[in-house]
Protein backbone atom coordinates (compact mmCIF):
# COMPACT_ATOMS: atom_id res chain seq x y z
CA UNK A 1 53.45 -2.97 89.95
CA UNK A 2 51.00 -4.35 87.40
CA UNK A 3 51.05 -6.90 84.58
CA UNK A 4 50.78 -5.47 81.09
CA UNK A 5 48.13 -8.04 80.12
CA UNK A 6 44.41 -7.43 79.61
CA UNK A 7 41.91 -6.81 82.40
CA UNK A 8 39.52 -9.74 82.45
CA UNK A 9 36.37 -8.03 81.29
CA UNK A 10 34.99 -8.61 77.80
CA UNK A 11 32.42 -5.87 78.24
CA UNK A 12 35.15 -3.34 78.91
CA UNK A 13 37.14 -4.51 75.90
CA UNK A 14 34.10 -4.18 73.63
CA UNK A 15 33.69 -0.54 74.71
CA UNK A 16 37.13 0.22 73.29
CA UNK A 17 36.96 -2.07 70.26
CA UNK A 18 36.25 0.68 67.73
CA UNK A 19 39.11 2.89 68.90
CA UNK A 20 41.45 -0.10 69.04
CA UNK A 21 40.68 -0.90 65.39
CA UNK A 22 41.60 2.67 64.47
CA UNK A 23 44.81 2.37 66.49
CA UNK A 24 45.75 -0.93 64.86
CA UNK A 25 45.31 0.60 61.41
CA UNK A 26 47.44 3.59 62.42
CA UNK A 27 50.29 1.45 63.77
CA UNK A 28 50.33 -1.02 60.88
CA UNK A 29 50.22 1.63 58.16
CA UNK A 30 52.58 4.17 59.74
CA UNK A 31 55.67 4.07 57.47
CA UNK A 32 58.36 4.48 60.12
CA UNK A 33 56.85 2.75 63.14
CA UNK A 34 57.87 -0.32 65.14
CA UNK A 35 59.28 -3.13 63.05
CA UNK A 36 60.38 -0.81 60.25
CA UNK A 37 62.63 1.07 62.63
CA UNK A 38 65.92 -0.53 61.50
CA UNK A 39 66.60 2.89 59.95
CA UNK A 40 69.52 1.82 57.82
CA UNK A 41 71.91 0.48 60.42
CA UNK A 42 74.78 -1.08 58.41
CA UNK A 43 74.50 -4.85 58.27
CA UNK A 44 70.96 -4.94 59.66
CA UNK A 45 69.16 -5.60 56.39
CA UNK A 46 68.94 -9.33 57.13
CA UNK A 47 68.90 -9.03 60.93
CA UNK A 48 65.54 -7.65 62.08
CA UNK A 49 66.29 -8.11 65.80
CA UNK A 50 66.70 -4.61 67.23
CA UNK A 51 67.75 -5.55 70.76
CA UNK A 52 70.46 -3.19 72.01
CA UNK A 53 73.64 -4.80 73.34
CA UNK A 54 74.02 -4.84 77.10
CA UNK A 55 75.44 -1.59 78.43
CA UNK A 56 74.73 0.36 75.24
CA UNK A 57 73.51 3.39 77.20
CA UNK A 58 76.46 3.21 79.57
CA UNK A 59 78.96 3.76 76.76
CA UNK A 60 80.89 6.98 77.15
CA UNK A 61 79.15 9.96 75.58
CA UNK A 62 75.95 8.19 74.49
CA UNK A 63 73.59 9.77 77.04
CA UNK A 64 75.32 13.12 76.63
CA UNK A 65 74.72 12.95 72.87
CA UNK A 66 70.96 12.95 73.38
CA UNK A 67 69.44 16.25 72.32
CA UNK A 68 66.23 18.20 72.78
CA UNK A 69 64.32 15.96 70.36
CA UNK A 70 65.24 12.92 72.46
CA UNK A 71 64.18 14.70 75.66
CA UNK A 72 60.88 15.62 73.99
CA UNK A 73 59.96 12.10 72.84
CA UNK A 74 60.87 10.67 76.26
CA UNK A 75 58.63 13.27 77.92
CA UNK A 76 55.91 12.53 75.36
CA UNK A 77 56.19 8.81 76.21
CA UNK A 78 55.85 9.55 79.91
CA UNK A 79 52.81 11.69 79.14
CA UNK A 80 51.28 8.79 77.19
CA UNK A 81 51.95 6.40 80.09
CA UNK A 82 50.20 8.77 82.51
CA UNK A 83 47.19 9.18 80.21
CA UNK A 84 46.77 5.48 79.43
CA UNK A 85 47.26 4.21 82.98
CA UNK A 86 44.88 6.85 84.38
CA UNK A 87 42.21 5.86 81.86
CA UNK A 88 42.69 2.13 82.37
CA UNK A 89 42.52 2.50 86.15
CA UNK A 90 39.02 3.89 85.58
CA UNK A 91 38.24 1.12 83.03
CA UNK A 92 37.92 3.77 80.28
CA UNK A 93 39.36 1.53 77.56
CA UNK A 94 38.15 3.72 74.69
CA UNK A 95 39.84 6.81 76.14
CA UNK A 96 43.05 4.85 76.75
CA UNK A 97 43.10 3.51 73.18
CA UNK A 98 42.57 6.95 71.67
CA UNK A 99 45.67 8.27 73.46
CA UNK A 100 47.95 6.11 71.30
CA UNK A 101 46.82 7.50 67.94
CA UNK A 102 48.42 11.00 68.19
CA UNK A 103 51.44 9.46 69.92
CA UNK A 104 52.15 7.12 66.99
CA UNK A 105 52.00 10.13 64.67
CA UNK A 106 54.32 12.14 66.97
CA UNK A 107 56.83 9.29 67.14
CA UNK A 108 56.88 8.45 63.45
CA UNK A 109 56.22 11.72 61.65
CA UNK A 110 58.06 14.03 64.02
CA UNK A 111 60.70 12.21 66.09
CA UNK A 112 61.82 9.52 63.62
CA UNK A 113 61.59 11.77 60.58
CA UNK A 114 63.44 14.63 62.28
CA UNK A 115 66.09 12.18 63.57
CA UNK A 116 66.70 10.49 60.22
CA UNK A 117 70.07 12.15 59.65
CA UNK A 118 71.25 11.08 63.11
CA UNK A 119 70.26 7.48 62.39
CA UNK A 120 71.92 7.43 58.98
CA UNK A 121 74.61 10.12 58.88
CA UNK A 122 75.40 11.11 62.46
CA UNK A 123 78.47 13.25 63.03
CA UNK A 124 79.71 10.91 65.79
CA UNK A 125 79.10 7.32 66.87
CA UNK A 126 77.84 8.62 70.23
CA UNK A 127 75.22 10.79 68.54
CA UNK A 128 74.04 7.84 66.46
CA UNK A 129 73.89 5.45 69.42
CA UNK A 130 72.11 8.06 71.52
CA UNK A 131 69.37 8.36 68.92
CA UNK A 132 69.03 4.58 68.58
CA UNK A 133 69.00 4.11 72.37
CA UNK A 134 66.24 6.70 72.71
CA UNK A 135 64.11 5.10 70.00
CA UNK A 136 64.70 1.65 71.50
CA UNK A 137 63.61 2.80 74.96
CA UNK A 138 60.48 4.49 73.60
CA UNK A 139 59.47 1.46 71.52
CA UNK A 140 59.95 -0.97 74.43
CA UNK A 141 57.91 1.21 76.78
CA UNK A 142 55.23 1.67 74.12
CA UNK A 143 55.05 -2.07 73.40
CA UNK A 144 54.39 -2.80 77.09
CA UNK A 145 51.74 -0.11 77.29
CA UNK A 146 50.09 -1.11 74.01
CA UNK A 147 50.04 -4.86 74.79
CA UNK A 148 46.45 -5.01 76.12
CA UNK A 149 45.12 -3.39 72.95
CA UNK A 150 47.21 -5.10 70.23
CA UNK A 151 48.53 -8.34 71.75
CA UNK A 152 49.98 -9.94 68.62
CA UNK A 153 51.59 -6.87 67.06
CA UNK A 154 53.16 -5.84 70.35
CA UNK A 155 54.45 -9.35 70.98
CA UNK A 156 56.27 -9.28 67.64
CA UNK A 157 57.57 -5.78 68.39
CA UNK A 158 58.78 -6.76 71.84
CA UNK A 159 60.55 -9.93 70.71
CA UNK A 160 62.41 -7.93 68.05
CA UNK A 161 63.28 -5.18 70.48
CA UNK A 162 64.07 -7.06 73.69
CA UNK A 163 64.29 -10.73 72.76
CA UNK A 164 63.12 -11.72 76.23
CA UNK A 165 59.98 -13.23 77.69
CA UNK A 166 56.56 -12.38 76.37
CA UNK A 167 55.55 -8.74 76.65
CA UNK A 168 52.39 -9.95 78.38
CA UNK A 169 54.50 -11.29 81.26
CA UNK A 170 56.34 -8.01 81.73
CA UNK A 171 55.40 -5.52 84.41
CA UNK A 172 54.61 -1.85 84.14
CA UNK A 173 56.40 0.21 86.73
CA UNK A 174 54.52 2.90 88.60
CA UNK A 175 54.24 5.85 86.25
CA UNK A 176 56.24 8.96 87.12
CA UNK A 177 54.60 12.34 86.89
CA UNK A 178 55.94 14.84 84.38
CA UNK A 179 58.43 17.30 85.78
CA UNK A 180 57.97 21.04 85.31
CA UNK A 181 60.83 21.01 82.81
CA UNK A 182 59.19 18.21 80.80
CA UNK A 183 55.84 19.99 80.75
CA UNK A 184 57.55 23.16 79.52
CA UNK A 185 59.33 21.22 76.75
CA UNK A 186 56.08 19.60 75.61
CA UNK A 187 54.34 22.98 75.54
CA UNK A 188 57.19 24.66 73.65
CA UNK A 189 57.37 21.85 71.08
CA UNK A 190 53.61 22.24 70.56
CA UNK A 191 54.21 25.92 69.75
CA UNK A 192 57.00 25.00 67.32
CA UNK A 193 54.81 22.45 65.54
CA UNK A 194 51.95 24.95 65.29
CA UNK A 195 54.39 27.48 63.87
CA UNK A 196 55.71 24.96 61.33
CA UNK A 197 52.19 24.07 60.19
CA UNK A 198 51.28 27.73 59.67
CA UNK A 199 54.61 28.45 58.02
CA UNK A 200 54.19 25.58 55.55
CA UNK A 201 50.71 26.85 54.72
CA UNK A 202 52.13 30.33 54.08
CA UNK A 203 54.81 28.87 51.80
CA UNK A 204 52.24 26.87 49.87
CA UNK A 205 50.01 29.93 49.43
CA UNK A 206 52.94 31.70 47.76
CA UNK A 207 53.71 28.68 45.55
CA UNK A 208 57.06 27.81 47.13
CA UNK A 209 57.90 24.14 47.53
CA UNK A 210 59.55 23.16 50.80
CA UNK A 211 62.82 22.28 49.07
CA UNK A 212 63.16 25.92 47.96
CA UNK A 213 65.22 27.70 50.68
CA UNK A 214 64.01 31.07 51.92
CA UNK A 215 65.67 33.81 53.95
CA UNK A 216 65.93 33.73 57.75
CA UNK A 217 63.06 33.75 60.21
CA UNK A 218 62.55 36.96 62.21
CA UNK A 219 61.15 36.37 65.70
CA UNK A 220 59.68 39.12 67.87
CA UNK A 221 61.87 39.36 70.93
CA UNK A 222 59.63 39.04 73.96
CA UNK A 223 59.10 36.81 76.99
CA UNK A 224 57.17 34.15 75.05
CA UNK A 225 59.77 33.71 72.29
CA UNK A 226 62.67 33.73 74.76
CA UNK A 227 61.14 30.76 76.59
CA UNK A 228 61.79 28.60 73.51
CA UNK A 229 65.34 27.27 73.20
CA UNK A 230 67.65 27.81 70.24
CA UNK A 231 67.54 24.05 69.57
CA UNK A 232 63.78 24.18 69.11
CA UNK A 233 63.98 27.21 66.83
CA UNK A 234 66.61 25.33 64.79
CA UNK A 235 64.12 22.47 64.33
CA UNK A 236 61.52 25.02 63.25
CA UNK A 237 63.71 26.69 60.62
CA UNK A 238 64.93 23.33 59.31
CA UNK A 239 61.32 22.18 58.82
CA UNK A 240 60.47 25.41 57.00
CA UNK A 241 63.80 25.41 55.09
CA UNK A 242 64.72 28.90 56.27
CA UNK A 243 68.21 30.32 56.66
CA UNK A 244 68.32 30.36 60.44
CA UNK A 245 66.55 32.76 62.79
CA UNK A 246 67.06 36.16 64.39
CA UNK A 247 65.31 37.99 67.23
CA UNK A 248 64.10 41.51 66.45
CA UNK A 249 62.16 44.21 68.30
CA UNK A 250 59.68 44.82 65.49
CA UNK A 251 58.42 42.58 62.71
CA UNK A 252 57.89 43.70 59.10
CA UNK A 253 54.30 43.26 57.98
CA UNK A 254 54.21 44.24 54.31
CA UNK A 255 54.51 41.72 51.43
CA UNK A 256 56.55 39.65 50.73
CA UNK A 257 56.71 39.09 54.50
CA UNK A 258 54.51 36.38 55.96
CA UNK A 259 53.48 36.94 59.58
CA UNK A 260 52.77 33.98 61.85
CA UNK A 261 51.33 33.81 65.36
CA UNK A 262 51.84 30.48 67.15
CA UNK A 263 50.74 30.45 70.77
CA UNK A 264 51.90 33.84 72.05
CA UNK A 265 54.94 33.90 69.75
CA UNK A 266 54.98 36.19 66.71
CA UNK A 267 57.37 35.84 63.78
CA UNK A 268 57.76 36.60 60.09
CA UNK A 269 59.68 35.39 57.06
CA UNK A 270 60.06 36.68 53.53
CA UNK A 271 58.97 34.66 50.50
CA UNK A 272 61.10 36.79 48.16
CA UNK A 273 63.75 34.85 46.23
CA UNK A 274 67.26 36.04 45.49
CA UNK A 275 69.30 34.47 42.64
CA UNK A 276 71.41 32.65 45.24
CA UNK A 277 68.32 31.14 46.89
CA UNK A 278 66.93 30.13 43.51
CA UNK A 279 70.15 28.31 42.61
CA UNK A 280 70.14 26.47 45.93
CA UNK A 281 66.55 25.48 45.23
CA UNK A 282 67.64 24.08 41.86
CA UNK A 283 70.42 22.12 43.59
CA UNK A 284 67.83 20.54 45.91
CA UNK A 285 65.62 19.71 42.94
CA UNK A 286 68.57 17.97 41.26
CA UNK A 287 69.18 16.03 44.48
CA UNK A 288 65.54 14.93 44.57
CA UNK A 289 65.73 13.62 40.99
CA UNK A 290 69.00 11.81 41.76
CA UNK A 291 67.50 10.16 44.84
CA UNK A 292 64.81 8.71 42.61
CA UNK A 293 67.53 7.29 40.38
CA UNK A 294 69.29 5.74 43.37
CA UNK A 295 66.10 3.91 44.28
CA UNK A 296 65.46 2.81 40.69
CA UNK A 297 68.99 1.42 40.48
CA UNK A 298 68.41 -0.56 43.69
CA UNK A 299 71.38 0.90 45.54
CA UNK A 300 71.75 0.15 49.24
CA UNK A 301 71.71 3.03 51.70
CA UNK A 302 75.48 2.95 52.22
CA UNK A 303 76.50 2.38 48.56
CA UNK A 304 78.91 4.99 47.21
CA UNK A 305 78.12 6.20 43.71
CA UNK A 306 79.36 8.24 40.76
CA UNK A 307 77.04 10.95 39.41
CA UNK A 308 76.66 11.91 35.76
CA UNK A 309 75.62 15.51 35.12
CA UNK A 310 75.42 16.77 31.54
CA UNK A 311 73.80 20.04 30.47
CA UNK A 312 74.19 22.90 28.00
CA UNK A 313 72.59 25.32 30.44
CA UNK A 314 75.01 27.88 31.95
CA UNK A 315 72.59 28.37 34.87
CA UNK A 316 72.49 24.65 35.77
CA UNK A 317 76.26 24.44 35.38
CA UNK A 318 76.60 27.33 37.82
CA UNK A 319 74.32 25.49 40.24
CA UNK A 320 76.66 22.52 40.07
CA UNK A 321 79.75 24.68 40.52
CA UNK A 322 78.33 26.43 43.61
CA UNK A 323 76.74 23.40 45.28
CA UNK A 324 78.85 20.46 44.12
CA UNK A 325 80.04 19.43 47.58
CA UNK A 326 76.53 19.69 49.01
CA UNK A 327 75.18 17.45 46.23
CA UNK A 328 78.00 14.93 46.73
CA UNK A 329 77.46 14.77 50.49
CA UNK A 330 73.69 14.33 50.37
CA UNK A 331 73.77 11.68 47.65
CA UNK A 332 76.79 9.84 49.08
CA UNK A 333 78.68 10.29 45.85
CA UNK A 334 82.43 10.42 45.32
CA UNK A 335 82.58 12.31 42.02
CA UNK A 336 80.54 14.00 39.28
CA UNK A 337 81.36 13.27 35.63
CA UNK A 338 79.92 14.47 32.33
CA UNK A 339 79.67 10.93 30.93
CA UNK A 340 80.50 7.29 31.66
CA UNK A 341 80.56 4.19 29.49
CA UNK A 342 77.79 2.43 31.46
CA UNK A 343 74.98 3.94 33.54
CA UNK A 344 73.04 1.98 36.18
CA UNK A 345 70.08 4.35 35.92
CA UNK A 346 69.56 7.52 33.87
CA UNK A 347 67.00 10.24 33.38
CA UNK A 348 66.60 13.19 31.00
CA UNK A 349 64.73 16.00 32.75
CA UNK A 350 63.72 19.60 32.25
CA UNK A 351 64.15 21.84 35.29
CA UNK A 352 62.85 25.39 35.05
CA UNK A 353 62.88 25.04 31.25
CA UNK A 354 66.50 23.84 31.17
CA UNK A 355 67.45 20.36 29.96
CA UNK A 356 69.65 18.09 32.02
CA UNK A 357 70.88 14.50 31.72
CA UNK A 358 71.25 12.74 35.08
CA UNK A 359 72.66 9.29 35.72
CA UNK A 360 74.12 7.21 38.55
CA UNK A 361 76.72 4.47 38.63
CA UNK A 362 77.65 2.30 41.59
CA UNK A 363 81.31 2.61 42.60
């Protein structure tokens, strides 16, 4: 057992000062990290304390509701603990500090962002609590580990998260080694993230915004691709906004197909657009414009609204007819009207050369 406070050596601390400054900037500027992790829990707007109630993890179904993304971030946290403790045991403060920088990015820009729907619109209470419990555990463990490098920030984090004694009086348990299953999950997620990065680059090269859906991903069926679970491939296709995935024996290689090699895994997707895909893309563009209006009107996350949608364009009207329920669900709206007496926020826009009047009204 060891205290999470600083080793008493100013010379050692100075060696890591530069990297610690970079880390502090990363943590403080990361939009979803630490103290901003309330993530829209109803009633929490004026209650920043994030301490979980006693027995939260023991509630029926909560642990079972944890998915592959939760398992990944927990394995990633254990990997961080191993790296930092190993470096600190050798008094390599600079190496230990550098280990936090990619972890903060992984936590905020991959785990929290990918889990946003579970935090805000989970299908079940167990799924929601499982995601919160995972994030809470990761933040508490990270605060203890980060305490020697950022004493004041981590103290504030820890008091919000645990509400107990100072983080600098807490103890770090002996670090467990990664299991073979955890190492495999970390490696497979690295392949998925490489694939997503290359896929997004391919989309951009063809001029397709991410909100424009494309057809399914074709994956070459071999030993490498079969090692990656369906849950991970689902994350991949959601990030690339593709219509699912399918394993095939041979991949097409001619345009409009984009071929991607990530690790030893080969795949391809088409950038060709059908009329149905184009209309779904327009629906997502309308949703994006409406979300801006929600923010401008100052609506709370859980406010129900009425949407105003007025256009002379047959194509935009068809988009509304085909995707009305999808638009209502995403924007937390109860109805769509052509006009209302009073609008809380409104916007006249042109989408693909077609004029549209959008407005929102709080219910």
